[in-house]
Amino acid sequence: MLAGATGGLGSLIAKYLLARGAVVRALVRQGNTKPEVAALRELGATVVEVNFNSVAGLTNICAGATCVVSALSGLRDVIVDTQKRLLDAAVAAGVPRFIPSDYSIDYTKLANGSNRNLDLRREFNQWLDYAPIGATSILNGMFTDLLTGQAPVVLFGLKRVMYYGNADQPLDFTTTANTAEFTAAAALDPSTPRYLRVAGEVATIRGVQKAASEATGQQFGLLRVGGLWVLGAMIKATKALMPANDDVFPPWQGMQYMHNMFTGLPKLQPLDNARYPEICWTPVREVLAIRK
């Protein structure tokens, strides 16, 4: 059973589950008429409209499922509250396994307050750890796809790779597609541990610079803005200037994520890439070449 199946990651998880012969029950909110719903049906998923506020209704829908996979995205009302109801329903229905919507750097190594969105995942996983159900979190570092524009690291116009702190700090990058494929494999694997960690490529900023140069055929340089304290000060200033809203990914949230990565604290280790050897991992260079 898959929640969040209409999102970019969720739809790919559905695709890879179906490719592996799984029966996919895709949960969508009542009245959802987005094109992604029709696309799920075309893929072969069974689309089920649900009221995510009803534990009783979710329990009925969970009946017979072997694993609940969450790819939900949002703030506290989704990551904590909705997932908690989904978890309660899975437990009540006797579902043996649950995969939460983590898909991130290793938030277990970070201090509270260093990343709002990851704090919410940590909070939900405290509930998950005490629930009588097998749980597995998928940690994949940063989605490599973000390097083509959303994450201000590879500055194509300036031909520079921007960073803070140490250019030799190893960083974890995994494409959305690789993350989805690995999640699908894990969902069908009853022997998964509490955490699985993968990285399509472990690269330093110097490695990203080399990948950008090779991908574009143009020489990229490095642009060090300053130490991590500079980025920390920018985060504080940006948060102070921006009013509180319901934006899941405000600019300062992305800055928090980059600060976390550049500290090296949430580096994924050990990596479980070899667990499903049929997966071919996409390197940073190949992703950047698409942007060329």
C-alpha atoms as a PDB file:
ATOM      1  CA  MET A   1       0.000   0.000   0.000  1.00  0.00           C
ATOM      2  CA  LEU A   2       1.402   3.368  -1.039  1.00  0.00           C
ATOM      3  CA  ALA A   3       0.546   6.817   0.356  1.00  0.00           C
ATOM      4  CA  GLY A   4       1.723   9.903  -1.497  1.00  0.00           C
ATOM      5  CA  ALA A   5       1.598   8.082  -4.811  1.00  0.00           C
ATOM      6  CA  THR A   6       0.725  11.190  -6.843  1.00  0.00           C
ATOM      7  CA  GLY A   7       3.985  12.950  -5.970  1.00  0.00           C
ATOM      8  CA  GLY A   8       7.169  12.753  -7.995  1.00  0.00           C
ATOM      9  CA  LEU A   9       8.846  10.198  -5.750  1.00  0.00           C
ATOM     10  CA  GLY A  10       5.635   8.314  -4.951  1.00  0.00           C
ATOM     11  CA  SER A  11       4.692   7.812  -8.589  1.00  0.00           C
ATOM     12  CA  LEU A  12       8.145   6.387  -9.288  1.00  0.00           C
ATOM     13  CA  ILE A  13       7.873   4.040  -6.294  1.00  0.00           C
ATOM     14  CA  ALA A  14       4.552   2.809  -7.728  1.00  0.00           C
ATOM     15  CA  LYS A  15       6.177   2.289 -11.119  1.00  0.00           C
ATOM     16  CA  TYR A  16       9.040   0.225  -9.715  1.00  0.00           C
ATOM     17  CA  LEU A  17       6.770  -1.796  -7.434  1.00  0.00           C
ATOM     18  CA  LEU A  18       4.574  -2.722 -10.388  1.00  0.00           C
ATOM     19  CA  ALA A  19       7.644  -3.568 -12.478  1.00  0.00           C
ATOM     20  CA  ARG A  20       8.595  -6.059  -9.763  1.00  0.00           C
ATOM     21  CA  GLY A  21       5.165  -7.686  -9.966  1.00  0.00           C
ATOM     22  CA  ALA A  22       3.702  -6.166  -6.806  1.00  0.00           C
ATOM     23  CA  VAL A  23       0.027  -5.402  -6.320  1.00  0.00           C
ATOM     24  CA  VAL A  24      -0.066  -1.683  -5.564  1.00  0.00           C
ATOM     25  CA  ARG A  25      -2.904  -0.025  -3.668  1.00  0.00           C
ATOM     26  CA  ALA A  26      -2.343   3.718  -4.180  1.00  0.00           C
ATOM     27  CA  LEU A  27      -4.035   5.957  -1.626  1.00  0.00           C
ATOM     28  CA  VAL A  28      -5.234   9.359  -2.838  1.00  0.00           C
ATOM     29  CA  ARG A  29      -7.267  12.018  -1.091  1.00  0.00           C
ATOM     30  CA  GLN A  30     -10.994  11.997  -1.718  1.00  0.00           C
ATOM     31  CA  GLY A  31     -11.937  14.033  -4.776  1.00  0.00           C
ATOM     32  CA  ASN A  32      -8.395  14.066  -6.203  1.00  0.00           C
ATOM     33  CA  THR A  33      -8.771  14.510  -9.973  1.00  0.00           C
ATOM     34  CA  LYS A  34      -5.161  15.344 -10.814  1.00  0.00           C
ATOM     35  CA  PRO A  35      -3.703  13.802 -14.001  1.00  0.00           C
ATOM     36  CA  GLU A  36      -1.330  11.824 -11.767  1.00  0.00           C
ATOM     37  CA  VAL A  37      -4.290   9.764 -10.528  1.00  0.00           C
ATOM     38  CA  ALA A  38      -5.156   8.654 -14.051  1.00  0.00           C
ATOM     39  CA  ALA A  39      -1.469   7.946 -14.674  1.00  0.00           C
ATOM     40  CA  LEU A  40      -1.380   5.611 -11.672  1.00  0.00           C
ATOM     41  CA  ARG A  41      -4.334   3.657 -13.048  1.00  0.00           C
ATOM     42  CA  GLU A  42      -2.632   3.412 -16.435  1.00  0.00           C
ATOM     43  CA  LEU A  43       0.455   1.995 -14.743  1.00  0.00           C
ATOM     44  CA  GLY A  44      -1.705  -0.732 -13.219  1.00  0.00           C
ATOM     45  CA  ALA A  45      -2.118   0.501  -9.651  1.00  0.00           C
ATOM     46  CA  THR A  46      -5.421   0.219  -7.826  1.00  0.00           C
ATOM     47  CA  VAL A  47      -6.344   3.757  -6.849  1.00  0.00           C
ATOM     48  CA  VAL A  48      -8.264   4.074  -3.580  1.00  0.00           C
ATOM     49  CA  GLU A  49      -9.739   7.388  -2.434  1.00  0.00           C
ATOM     50  CA  VAL A  50      -9.333   7.790   1.322  1.00  0.00           C
ATOM     51  CA  ASN A  51     -10.023  10.173   4.159  1.00  0.00           C
ATOM     52  CA  PHE A  52      -6.608  10.500   5.768  1.00  0.00           C
ATOM     53  CA  ASN A  53      -8.262  11.873   8.906  1.00  0.00           C
ATOM     54  CA  SER A  54     -10.118   8.611   9.587  1.00  0.00           C
ATOM     55  CA  VAL A  55      -8.101   5.884  11.311  1.00  0.00           C
ATOM     56  CA  ALA A  56     -11.063   3.517  11.025  1.00  0.00           C
ATOM     57  CA  GLY A  57     -11.344   4.078   7.286  1.00  0.00           C
ATOM     58  CA  LEU A  58      -7.600   3.693   6.793  1.00  0.00           C
ATOM     59  CA  THR A  59      -7.655   0.491   8.854  1.00  0.00           C
ATOM     60  CA  ASN A  60     -10.219  -1.056   6.533  1.00  0.00           C
ATOM     61  CA  ILE A  61      -8.127  -0.116   3.500  1.00  0.00           C
ATOM     62  CA  CYS A  62      -4.924  -1.488   5.091  1.00  0.00           C
ATOM     63  CA  ALA A  63      -6.459  -4.939   5.503  1.00  0.00           C
ATOM     64  CA  GLY A  64      -4.392  -7.569   3.727  1.00  0.00           C
ATOM     65  CA  ALA A  65      -1.440  -5.300   2.950  1.00  0.00           C
ATOM     66  CA  THR A  66       2.068  -6.641   3.541  1.00  0.00           C
ATOM     67  CA  CYS A  67       3.782  -3.238   3.706  1.00  0.00           C
ATOM     68  CA  VAL A  68       2.665   0.378   3.975  1.00  0.00           C
ATOM     69  CA  VAL A  69       4.977   2.751   2.111  1.00  0.00           C
ATOM     70  CA  SER A  70       4.683   6.478   2.739  1.00  0.00           C
ATOM     71  CA  ALA A  71       5.920   9.055   0.263  1.00  0.00           C
ATOM     72  CA  LEU A  72       3.863  11.851   1.797  1.00  0.00           C
ATOM     73  CA  SER A  73       5.258  15.375   1.769  1.00  0.00           C
ATOM     74  CA  GLY A  74       4.318  18.252   4.021  1.00  0.00           C
ATOM     75  CA  LEU A  75       4.766  19.781   7.450  1.00  0.00           C
ATOM     76  CA  ARG A  76       3.604  18.621  10.883  1.00  0.00           C
ATOM     77  CA  ASP A  77       0.010  17.973   9.821  1.00  0.00           C
ATOM     78  CA  VAL A  78       1.278  15.480   7.242  1.00  0.00           C
ATOM     79  CA  ILE A  79       4.637  14.106   8.389  1.00  0.00           C
ATOM     80  CA  VAL A  80       3.590  13.654  12.023  1.00  0.00           C
ATOM     81  CA  ASP A  81      -0.215  13.711  12.219  1.00  0.00           C
ATOM     82  CA  THR A  82      -1.257  12.002   8.981  1.00  0.00           C
ATOM     83  CA  GLN A  83       1.553   9.451   9.124  1.00  0.00           C
ATOM     84  CA  LYS A  84       0.633   8.710  12.740  1.00  0.00           C
ATOM     85  CA  ARG A  85      -2.940   7.906  11.704  1.00  0.00           C
ATOM     86  CA  LEU A  86      -1.623   5.786   8.847  1.00  0.00           C
ATOM     87  CA  LEU A  87       0.673   3.972  11.293  1.00  0.00           C
ATOM     88  CA  ASP A  88      -2.145   3.369  13.777  1.00  0.00           C
ATOM     89  CA  ALA A  89      -4.280   1.966  10.969  1.00  0.00           C
ATOM     90  CA  ALA A  90      -1.491  -0.312   9.751  1.00  0.00           C
ATOM     91  CA  VAL A  91      -0.971  -1.683  13.265  1.00  0.00           C
ATOM     92  CA  ALA A  92      -4.718  -2.185  13.787  1.00  0.00           C
ATOM     93  CA  ALA A  93      -4.991  -4.007  10.459  1.00  0.00           C
ATOM     94  CA  GLY A  94      -2.048  -6.282  11.262  1.00  0.00           C
ATOM     95  CA  VAL A  95       0.214  -4.989   8.484  1.00  0.00           C
ATOM     96  CA  PRO A  96       3.699  -6.382   9.220  1.00  0.00           C
ATOM     97  CA  ARG A  97       5.855  -3.554   7.826  1.00  0.00           C
ATOM     98  CA  PHE A  98       5.941   0.254   7.473  1.00  0.00           C
ATOM     99  CA  ILE A  99       8.299   2.487   5.456  1.00  0.00           C
ATOM    100  CA  PRO A 100       7.978   6.170   6.506  1.00  0.00           C
ATOM    101  CA  SER A 101       8.538   9.204   4.310  1.00  0.00           C
ATOM    102  CA  ASP A 102      12.142   9.933   5.254  1.00  0.00           C
ATOM    103  CA  TYR A 103      14.304   9.840   2.070  1.00  0.00           C
ATOM    104  CA  SER A 104      16.948  12.202   3.404  1.00  0.00           C
ATOM    105  CA  ILE A 105      20.354  12.606   4.990  1.00  0.00           C
ATOM    106  CA  ASP A 106      20.859  10.817   8.322  1.00  0.00           C
ATOM    107  CA  TYR A 107      18.715  13.005  10.589  1.00  0.00           C
ATOM    108  CA  THR A 108      19.415  10.674  13.524  1.00  0.00           C
ATOM    109  CA  LYS A 109      22.853  12.305  13.821  1.00  0.00           C
ATOM    110  CA  LEU A 110      21.577  15.889  13.828  1.00  0.00           C
ATOM    111  CA  ALA A 111      20.633  18.101  16.758  1.00  0.00           C
ATOM    112  CA  ASN A 112      17.046  19.224  17.214  1.00  0.00           C
ATOM    113  CA  GLY A 113      16.492  22.611  15.632  1.00  0.00           C
ATOM    114  CA  SER A 114      19.130  22.238  12.921  1.00  0.00           C
ATOM    115  CA  ASN A 115      16.563  21.327  10.257  1.00  0.00           C
ATOM    116  CA  ARG A 116      12.820  21.904  10.646  1.00  0.00           C
ATOM    117  CA  ASN A 117      11.667  19.262   8.137  1.00  0.00           C
ATOM    118  CA  LEU A 118      14.022  16.612   9.486  1.00  0.00           C
ATOM    119  CA  ASP A 119      12.954  17.411  13.055  1.00  0.00           C
ATOM    120  CA  LEU A 120       9.433  16.392  12.019  1.00  0.00           C
ATOM    121  CA  ARG A 121      10.700  13.099  10.608  1.00  0.00           C
ATOM    122  CA  ARG A 122      12.618  12.407  13.796  1.00  0.00           C
ATOM    123  CA  GLU A 123       9.495  13.143  15.825  1.00  0.00           C
ATOM    124  CA  PHE A 124       7.347  10.746  13.807  1.00  0.00           C
ATOM    125  CA  ASN A 125       9.971   8.023  13.943  1.00  0.00           C
ATOM    126  CA  GLN A 126       9.884   8.133  17.735  1.00  0.00           C
ATOM    127  CA  TRP A 127       6.276   6.962  17.424  1.00  0.00           C
ATOM    128  CA  LEU A 128       7.299   4.408  14.822  1.00  0.00           C
ATOM    129  CA  ASP A 129      10.059   2.958  17.004  1.00  0.00           C
ATOM    130  CA  TYR A 130       7.553   2.087  19.725  1.00  0.00           C
ATOM    131  CA  ALA A 131       4.864   0.714  17.416  1.00  0.00           C
ATOM    132  CA  PRO A 132       4.467  -3.083  17.160  1.00  0.00           C
ATOM    133  CA  ILE A 133       5.375  -3.155  13.474  1.00  0.00           C
ATOM    134  CA  GLY A 134       8.515  -3.734  11.432  1.00  0.00           C
ATOM    135  CA  ALA A 135       9.876  -0.355  10.332  1.00  0.00           C
ATOM    136  CA  THR A 136      12.488   0.572   7.748  1.00  0.00           C
ATOM    137  CA  SER A 137      13.630   4.099   6.914  1.00  0.00           C
ATOM    138  CA  ILE A 138      15.298   4.769   3.556  1.00  0.00           C
ATOM    139  CA  LEU A 139      18.062   7.394   3.781  1.00  0.00           C
ATOM    140  CA  ASN A 140      19.493   8.610   0.466  1.00  0.00           C
ATOM    141  CA  GLY A 141      21.300  11.874   1.159  1.00  0.00           C
ATOM    142  CA  MET A 142      20.356  14.634  -1.272  1.00  0.00           C
ATOM    143  CA  PHE A 143      18.351  14.051  -4.437  1.00  0.00           C
ATOM    144  CA  THR A 144      20.940  14.469  -7.212  1.00  0.00           C
ATOM    145  CA  ASP A 145      18.248  15.922  -9.484  1.00  0.00           C
ATOM    146  CA  LEU A 146      18.230  19.091  -7.364  1.00  0.00           C
ATOM    147  CA  LEU A 147      21.740  19.930  -8.602  1.00  0.00           C
ATOM    148  CA  THR A 148      20.300  20.844 -12.008  1.00  0.00           C
ATOM    149  CA  GLY A 149      18.631  23.964 -10.661  1.00  0.00           C
ATOM    150  CA  GLN A 150      16.729  23.865  -7.378  1.00  0.00           C
ATOM    151  CA  ALA A 151      19.807  23.545  -5.181  1.00  0.00           C
ATOM    152  CA  PRO A 152      22.126  26.555  -5.733  1.00  0.00           C
ATOM    153  CA  VAL A 153      25.327  24.523  -5.848  1.00  0.00           C
ATOM    154  CA  VAL A 154      26.167  24.094  -9.530  1.00  0.00           C
ATOM    155  CA  LEU A 155      25.946  27.599 -11.015  1.00  0.00           C
ATOM    156  CA  PHE A 156      25.801  26.846 -14.731  1.00  0.00           C
ATOM    157  CA  GLY A 157      25.753  30.492 -15.825  1.00  0.00           C
ATOM    158  CA  LEU A 158      28.851  31.374 -13.811  1.00  0.00           C
ATOM    159  CA  LYS A 159      30.526  27.992 -14.385  1.00  0.00           C
ATOM    160  CA  ARG A 160      31.164  27.679 -10.686  1.00  0.00           C
ATOM    161  CA  VAL A 161      30.344  25.171  -7.956  1.00  0.00           C
ATOM    162  CA  MET A 162      29.359  27.036  -4.807  1.00  0.00           C
ATOM    163  CA  TYR A 163      29.999  25.746  -1.308  1.00  0.00           C
ATOM    164  CA  TYR A 164      30.631  26.619   2.323  1.00  0.00           C
ATOM    165  CA  GLY A 165      33.273  25.141   4.566  1.00  0.00           C
ATOM    166  CA  ASN A 166      35.413  22.296   3.258  1.00  0.00           C
ATOM    167  CA  ALA A 167      35.506  21.390  -0.460  1.00  0.00           C
ATOM    168  CA  ASP A 168      36.745  17.918   0.441  1.00  0.00           C
ATOM    169  CA  GLN A 169      33.797  16.940   2.668  1.00  0.00           C
ATOM    170  CA  PRO A 170      32.188  13.744   1.250  1.00  0.00           C
ATOM    171  CA  LEU A 171      28.500  14.246   0.371  1.00  0.00           C
ATOM    172  CA  ASP A 172      25.780  11.714  -0.494  1.00  0.00           C
ATOM    173  CA  PHE A 173      23.761  12.111  -3.716  1.00  0.00           C
ATOM    174  CA  THR A 174      21.035   9.786  -5.037  1.00  0.00           C
ATOM    175  CA  THR A 175      18.600  10.389  -7.880  1.00  0.00           C
ATOM    176  CA  THR A 176      14.877  10.315  -7.220  1.00  0.00           C
ATOM    177  CA  ALA A 177      14.546   7.354  -9.580  1.00  0.00           C
ATOM    178  CA  ASN A 178      17.259   5.332  -7.818  1.00  0.00           C
ATOM    179  CA  THR A 179      15.694   6.142  -4.438  1.00  0.00           C
ATOM    180  CA  ALA A 180      12.297   4.987  -5.681  1.00  0.00           C
ATOM    181  CA  GLU A 181      13.702   1.785  -7.166  1.00  0.00           C
ATOM    182  CA  PHE A 182      15.538   0.949  -3.950  1.00  0.00           C
ATOM    183  CA  THR A 183      12.426   1.715  -1.883  1.00  0.00           C
ATOM    184  CA  ALA A 184      10.353  -0.605  -4.065  1.00  0.00           C
ATOM    185  CA  ALA A 185      12.880  -3.393  -3.602  1.00  0.00           C
ATOM    186  CA  ALA A 186      12.931  -2.820   0.165  1.00  0.00           C
ATOM    187  CA  ALA A 187       9.133  -2.830   0.352  1.00  0.00           C
ATOM    188  CA  LEU A 188       9.107  -6.337  -1.108  1.00  0.00           C
ATOM    189  CA  ASP A 189      11.941  -7.552   1.130  1.00  0.00           C
ATOM    190  CA  PRO A 190      10.640  -8.821   4.503  1.00  0.00           C
ATOM    191  CA  SER A 191      14.130  -8.934   6.031  1.00  0.00           C
ATOM    192  CA  THR A 192      14.985  -5.228   5.936  1.00  0.00           C
ATOM    193  CA  PRO A 193      16.613  -3.618   9.018  1.00  0.00           C
ATOM    194  CA  ARG A 194      15.452  -0.427  10.747  1.00  0.00           C
ATOM    195  CA  TYR A 195      17.566   1.807   8.490  1.00  0.00           C
ATOM    196  CA  LEU A 196      18.854   1.398   4.954  1.00  0.00           C
ATOM    197  CA  ARG A 197      21.356   3.913   3.590  1.00  0.00           C
ATOM    198  CA  VAL A 198      22.183   4.432  -0.084  1.00  0.00           C
ATOM    199  CA  ALA A 199      24.081   6.922  -2.214  1.00  0.00           C
ATOM    200  CA  GLY A 200      24.098   6.916  -5.993  1.00  0.00           C
ATOM    201  CA  GLU A 201      27.451   8.652  -5.666  1.00  0.00           C
ATOM    202  CA  VAL A 202      29.531   9.924  -2.768  1.00  0.00           C
ATOM    203  CA  ALA A 203      31.218  13.073  -4.046  1.00  0.00           C
ATOM    204  CA  THR A 204      33.064  16.031  -2.592  1.00  0.00           C
ATOM    205  CA  ILE A 205      32.500  19.528  -3.933  1.00  0.00           C
ATOM    206  CA  ARG A 206      35.692  19.042  -5.934  1.00  0.00           C
ATOM    207  CA  GLY A 207      34.104  15.895  -7.332  1.00  0.00           C
ATOM    208  CA  VAL A 208      30.965  17.829  -8.287  1.00  0.00           C
ATOM    209  CA  GLN A 209      33.200  20.416  -9.962  1.00  0.00           C
ATOM    210  CA  LYS A 210      34.864  17.663 -12.015  1.00  0.00           C
ATOM    211  CA  ALA A 211      31.489  16.123 -12.877  1.00  0.00           C
ATOM    212  CA  ALA A 212      30.114  19.489 -14.036  1.00  0.00           C
ATOM    213  CA  SER A 213      33.155  20.101 -16.198  1.00  0.00           C
ATOM    214  CA  GLU A 214      32.907  16.659 -17.803  1.00  0.00           C
ATOM    215  CA  ALA A 215      29.139  16.858 -18.249  1.00  0.00           C
ATOM    216  CA  THR A 216      29.190  20.234 -20.006  1.00  0.00           C
ATOM    217  CA  GLY A 217      32.565  20.164 -21.725  1.00  0.00           C
ATOM    218  CA  GLN A 218      33.345  23.479 -20.017  1.00  0.00           C
ATOM    219  CA  GLN A 219      35.719  24.127 -17.151  1.00  0.00           C
ATOM    220  CA  PHE A 220      33.949  24.837 -13.861  1.00  0.00           C
ATOM    221  CA  GLY A 221      35.681  26.530 -10.947  1.00  0.00           C
ATOM    222  CA  LEU A 222      34.963  26.612  -7.215  1.00  0.00           C
ATOM    223  CA  LEU A 223      33.217  29.427  -5.373  1.00  0.00           C
ATOM    224  CA  ARG A 224      33.702  29.323  -1.604  1.00  0.00           C
ATOM    225  CA  VAL A 225      31.269  31.778  -0.056  1.00  0.00           C
ATOM    226  CA  GLY A 226      32.699  31.325   3.424  1.00  0.00           C
ATOM    227  CA  GLY A 227      32.810  29.058   6.422  1.00  0.00           C
ATOM    228  CA  LEU A 228      29.803  27.226   7.788  1.00  0.00           C
ATOM    229  CA  TRP A 229      29.265  30.063  10.239  1.00  0.00           C
ATOM    230  CA  VAL A 230      28.492  32.329   7.258  1.00  0.00           C
ATOM    231  CA  LEU A 231      25.771  29.973   6.030  1.00  0.00           C
ATOM    232  CA  GLY A 232      24.450  29.682   9.586  1.00  0.00           C
ATOM    233  CA  ALA A 233      24.178  33.470   9.832  1.00  0.00           C
ATOM    234  CA  MET A 234      22.412  33.607   6.467  1.00  0.00           C
ATOM    235  CA  ILE A 235      19.877  31.037   7.651  1.00  0.00           C
ATOM    236  CA  LYS A 236      19.083  33.063  10.766  1.00  0.00           C
ATOM    237  CA  ALA A 237      18.729  36.273   8.751  1.00  0.00           C
ATOM    238  CA  THR A 238      16.535  34.663   6.109  1.00  0.00           C
ATOM    239  CA  LYS A 239      14.228  33.110   8.708  1.00  0.00           C
ATOM    240  CA  ALA A 240      13.913  36.451  10.500  1.00  0.00           C
ATOM    241  CA  LEU A 241      12.951  38.226   7.283  1.00  0.00           C
ATOM    242  CA  MET A 242      10.434  35.636   6.144  1.00  0.00           C
ATOM    243  CA  PRO A 243       7.049  35.402   7.903  1.00  0.00           C
ATOM    244  CA  ALA A 244       5.824  32.001   9.042  1.00  0.00           C
ATOM    245  CA  ASN A 245       3.807  30.236   6.343  1.00  0.00           C
ATOM    246  CA  ASP A 246       2.852  26.789   5.130  1.00  0.00           C
ATOM    247  CA  ASP A 247       5.648  26.531   2.564  1.00  0.00           C
ATOM    248  CA  VAL A 248       7.230  23.083   2.889  1.00  0.00           C
ATOM    249  CA  PHE A 249      10.465  24.203   1.253  1.00  0.00           C
ATOM    250  CA  PRO A 250      11.121  27.903   1.970  1.00  0.00           C
ATOM    251  CA  PRO A 251      14.605  29.151   0.963  1.00  0.00           C
ATOM    252  CA  TRP A 252      15.975  28.802   4.502  1.00  0.00           C
ATOM    253  CA  GLN A 253      14.923  25.137   4.606  1.00  0.00           C
ATOM    254  CA  GLY A 254      17.154  24.333   1.656  1.00  0.00           C
ATOM    255  CA  MET A 255      19.921  26.322   3.311  1.00  0.00           C
ATOM    256  CA  GLN A 256      19.500  24.245   6.484  1.00  0.00           C
ATOM    257  CA  TYR A 257      19.825  21.063   4.435  1.00  0.00           C
ATOM    258  CA  MET A 258      23.025  22.242   2.764  1.00  0.00           C
ATOM    259  CA  HIS A 259      24.458  23.349   6.119  1.00  0.00           C
ATOM    260  CA  ASN A 260      23.722  19.907   7.546  1.00  0.00           C
ATOM    261  CA  MET A 261      25.464  18.206   4.626  1.00  0.00           C
ATOM    262  CA  PHE A 262      28.535  20.449   4.683  1.00  0.00           C
ATOM    263  CA  THR A 263      29.091  19.718   8.388  1.00  0.00           C
ATOM    264  CA  GLY A 264      29.571  16.044   7.535  1.00  0.00           C
ATOM    265  CA  LEU A 265      27.469  14.996  10.536  1.00  0.00           C
ATOM    266  CA  PRO A 266      24.665  13.282   8.566  1.00  0.00           C
ATOM    267  CA  LYS A 267      27.038  11.412   6.219  1.00  0.00           C
ATOM    268  CA  LEU A 268      25.512   8.008   5.449  1.00  0.00           C
ATOM    269  CA  GLN A 269      27.503   5.012   6.594  1.00  0.00           C
ATOM    270  CA  PRO A 270      27.640   2.169   6.018  1.00  0.00           C
ATOM    271  CA  LEU A 271      26.009   2.175   2.587  1.00  0.00           C
ATOM    272  CA  ASP A 272      23.586  -0.569   1.548  1.00  0.00           C
ATOM    273  CA  ASN A 273      23.847  -0.076  -2.221  1.00  0.00           C
ATOM    274  CA  ALA A 274      24.836  -3.694  -2.777  1.00  0.00           C
ATOM    275  CA  ARG A 275      21.714  -5.079  -1.102  1.00  0.00           C
ATOM    276  CA  TYR A 276      19.847  -5.135  -4.420  1.00  0.00           C
ATOM    277  CA  PRO A 277      22.585  -5.639  -7.047  1.00  0.00           C
ATOM    278  CA  GLU A 278      20.205  -5.243  -9.978  1.00  0.00           C
ATOM    279  CA  ILE A 279      19.963  -1.480  -9.339  1.00  0.00           C
ATOM    280  CA  CYS A 280      22.287   0.619 -11.519  1.00  0.00           C
ATOM    281  CA  TRP A 281      23.262   3.778  -9.652  1.00  0.00           C
ATOM    282  CA  THR A 282      23.266   7.070 -11.558  1.00  0.00           C
ATOM    283  CA  PRO A 283      26.362   9.263 -11.029  1.00  0.00           C
ATOM    284  CA  VAL A 284      26.307  13.036 -10.579  1.00  0.00           C
ATOM    285  CA  ARG A 285      27.919  13.614 -13.980  1.00  0.00           C
ATOM    286  CA  GLU A 286      25.099  11.845 -15.796  1.00  0.00           C
ATOM    287  CA  VAL A 287      22.466  13.970 -14.066  1.00  0.00           C
ATOM    288  CA  LEU A 288      24.313  17.213 -14.804  1.00  0.00           C
ATOM    289  CA  ALA A 289      24.703  16.212 -18.460  1.00  0.00           C
ATOM    290  CA  ILE A 290      20.931  16.331 -18.854  1.00  0.00           C
ATOM    291  CA  ARG A 291      21.033  20.030 -17.894  1.00  0.00           C
ATOM    292  CA  LYS A 292      23.698  20.744 -20.520  1.00  0.00           C
END
